[in-house]
Amino acid sequence: MKKLVKRANNFVAKQAIKAQIALSNNKGEGYIDTAVKILIAVVLGALLLAGLYALFGNVVMPTLTKRIQDMFNYAG
């Protein structure tokens, strides 16, 4: 009986130590790190989208419109 109580006591003590180590562990990724990463991704995505929109609006679409008009211009 004493052996069983001693084993149970040791088990509980080991589990308490493991819990204390896990709770005092401050490694890893926090909420602020994740928020900063998401914010950076959103800003970079918006800049990329704005750049593509400007490129298509000023360079690609006028050229495409002119080529389509030239294709269907039977008089010229």
C-alpha atoms as a PDB file:
ATOM      1  CA  MET A   1       0.000   0.000   0.000  1.00  0.00           C
ATOM      2  CA  LYS A   2       2.839   2.361   0.847  1.00  0.00           C
ATOM      3  CA  LYS A   3       4.448   1.584  -2.490  1.00  0.00           C
ATOM      4  CA  LEU A   4       1.215   2.464  -4.347  1.00  0.00           C
ATOM      5  CA  VAL A   5       0.830   5.760  -2.482  1.00  0.00           C
ATOM      6  CA  LYS A   6       4.479   6.602  -3.153  1.00  0.00           C
ATOM      7  CA  ARG A   7       4.086   5.882  -6.892  1.00  0.00           C
ATOM      8  CA  ALA A   8       0.927   7.980  -7.063  1.00  0.00           C
ATOM      9  CA  ASN A   9       2.656  10.809  -5.231  1.00  0.00           C
ATOM     10  CA  ASN A  10       5.621  10.664  -7.639  1.00  0.00           C
ATOM     11  CA  PHE A  11       3.290  10.645 -10.646  1.00  0.00           C
ATOM     12  CA  VAL A  12       1.384  13.681  -9.401  1.00  0.00           C
ATOM     13  CA  ALA A  13       4.631  15.509  -8.651  1.00  0.00           C
ATOM     14  CA  LYS A  14       5.983  14.782 -12.151  1.00  0.00           C
ATOM     15  CA  GLN A  15       2.760  15.965 -13.761  1.00  0.00           C
ATOM     16  CA  ALA A  16       2.829  19.150 -11.679  1.00  0.00           C
ATOM     17  CA  ILE A  17       6.408  19.836 -12.780  1.00  0.00           C
ATOM     18  CA  LYS A  18       5.479  19.230 -16.441  1.00  0.00           C
ATOM     19  CA  ALA A  19       2.513  21.599 -16.123  1.00  0.00           C
ATOM     20  CA  GLN A  20       4.681  24.259 -14.490  1.00  0.00           C
ATOM     21  CA  ILE A  21       7.277  23.979 -17.270  1.00  0.00           C
ATOM     22  CA  ALA A  22       4.584  24.178 -19.949  1.00  0.00           C
ATOM     23  CA  LEU A  23       2.970  27.231 -18.372  1.00  0.00           C
ATOM     24  CA  SER A  24       6.261  29.065 -17.840  1.00  0.00           C
ATOM     25  CA  ASN A  25       7.336  28.423 -21.448  1.00  0.00           C
ATOM     26  CA  ASN A  26       7.283  31.732 -23.308  1.00  0.00           C
ATOM     27  CA  LYS A  27       8.627  30.475 -26.629  1.00  0.00           C
ATOM     28  CA  GLY A  28       6.542  30.363 -29.737  1.00  0.00           C
ATOM     29  CA  GLU A  29       4.413  32.663 -31.756  1.00  0.00           C
ATOM     30  CA  GLY A  30       2.205  35.212 -30.115  1.00  0.00           C
ATOM     31  CA  TYR A  31      -0.863  37.092 -31.241  1.00  0.00           C
ATOM     32  CA  ILE A  32       1.058  40.256 -32.051  1.00  0.00           C
ATOM     33  CA  ASP A  33       3.508  38.409 -34.298  1.00  0.00           C
ATOM     34  CA  THR A  34       0.642  36.839 -36.212  1.00  0.00           C
ATOM     35  CA  ALA A  35      -1.171  40.166 -36.536  1.00  0.00           C
ATOM     36  CA  VAL A  36       1.954  41.855 -37.904  1.00  0.00           C
ATOM     37  CA  LYS A  37       2.451  39.067 -40.449  1.00  0.00           C
ATOM     38  CA  ILE A  38      -1.155  39.326 -41.611  1.00  0.00           C
ATOM     39  CA  LEU A  39      -0.904  43.115 -41.843  1.00  0.00           C
ATOM     40  CA  ILE A  40       2.270  42.889 -43.927  1.00  0.00           C
ATOM     41  CA  ALA A  41       0.639  40.348 -46.251  1.00  0.00           C
ATOM     42  CA  VAL A  42      -2.432  42.564 -46.719  1.00  0.00           C
ATOM     43  CA  VAL A  43      -0.346  45.668 -47.459  1.00  0.00           C
ATOM     44  CA  LEU A  44       1.876  43.830 -49.941  1.00  0.00           C
ATOM     45  CA  GLY A  45      -1.173  42.316 -51.632  1.00  0.00           C
ATOM     46  CA  ALA A  46      -2.816  45.726 -51.941  1.00  0.00           C
ATOM     47  CA  LEU A  47       0.355  47.224 -53.432  1.00  0.00           C
ATOM     48  CA  LEU A  48       0.630  44.372 -55.923  1.00  0.00           C
ATOM     49  CA  LEU A  49      -3.025  44.719 -56.902  1.00  0.00           C
ATOM     50  CA  ALA A  50      -2.688  48.495 -57.311  1.00  0.00           C
ATOM     51  CA  GLY A  51       0.393  48.019 -59.482  1.00  0.00           C
ATOM     52  CA  LEU A  52      -1.346  45.495 -61.703  1.00  0.00           C
ATOM     53  CA  TYR A  53      -4.422  47.713 -61.977  1.00  0.00           C
ATOM     54  CA  ALA A  54      -2.266  50.672 -63.005  1.00  0.00           C
ATOM     55  CA  LEU A  55      -0.364  48.550 -65.517  1.00  0.00           C
ATOM     56  CA  PHE A  56      -3.502  47.173 -67.118  1.00  0.00           C
ATOM     57  CA  GLY A  57      -5.269  50.540 -67.067  1.00  0.00           C
ATOM     58  CA  ASN A  58      -2.492  52.568 -68.685  1.00  0.00           C
ATOM     59  CA  VAL A  59      -0.518  50.118 -70.808  1.00  0.00           C
ATOM     60  CA  VAL A  60      -2.410  46.976 -71.692  1.00  0.00           C
ATOM     61  CA  MET A  61      -6.002  48.153 -72.168  1.00  0.00           C
ATOM     62  CA  PRO A  62      -5.325  51.086 -74.552  1.00  0.00           C
ATOM     63  CA  THR A  63      -3.087  48.893 -76.690  1.00  0.00           C
ATOM     64  CA  LEU A  64      -5.662  46.128 -76.685  1.00  0.00           C
ATOM     65  CA  THR A  65      -8.457  48.546 -77.592  1.00  0.00           C
ATOM     66  CA  LYS A  66      -6.420  49.988 -80.481  1.00  0.00           C
ATOM     67  CA  ARG A  67      -5.584  46.549 -81.826  1.00  0.00           C
ATOM     68  CA  ILE A  68      -9.218  45.445 -81.686  1.00  0.00           C
ATOM     69  CA  GLN A  69     -10.325  48.599 -83.501  1.00  0.00           C
ATOM     70  CA  ASP A  70      -7.619  48.058 -86.115  1.00  0.00           C
ATOM     71  CA  MET A  71      -8.761  44.468 -86.612  1.00  0.00           C
ATOM     72  CA  PHE A  72     -12.353  45.464 -87.310  1.00  0.00           C
ATOM     73  CA  ASN A  73     -11.529  48.613 -89.310  1.00  0.00           C
ATOM     74  CA  TYR A  74     -12.425  47.475 -92.810  1.00  0.00           C
ATOM     75  CA  ALA A  75     -12.148  50.964 -94.330  1.00  0.00           C
ATOM     76  CA  GLY A  76      -8.506  51.428 -93.439  1.00  0.00           C
END
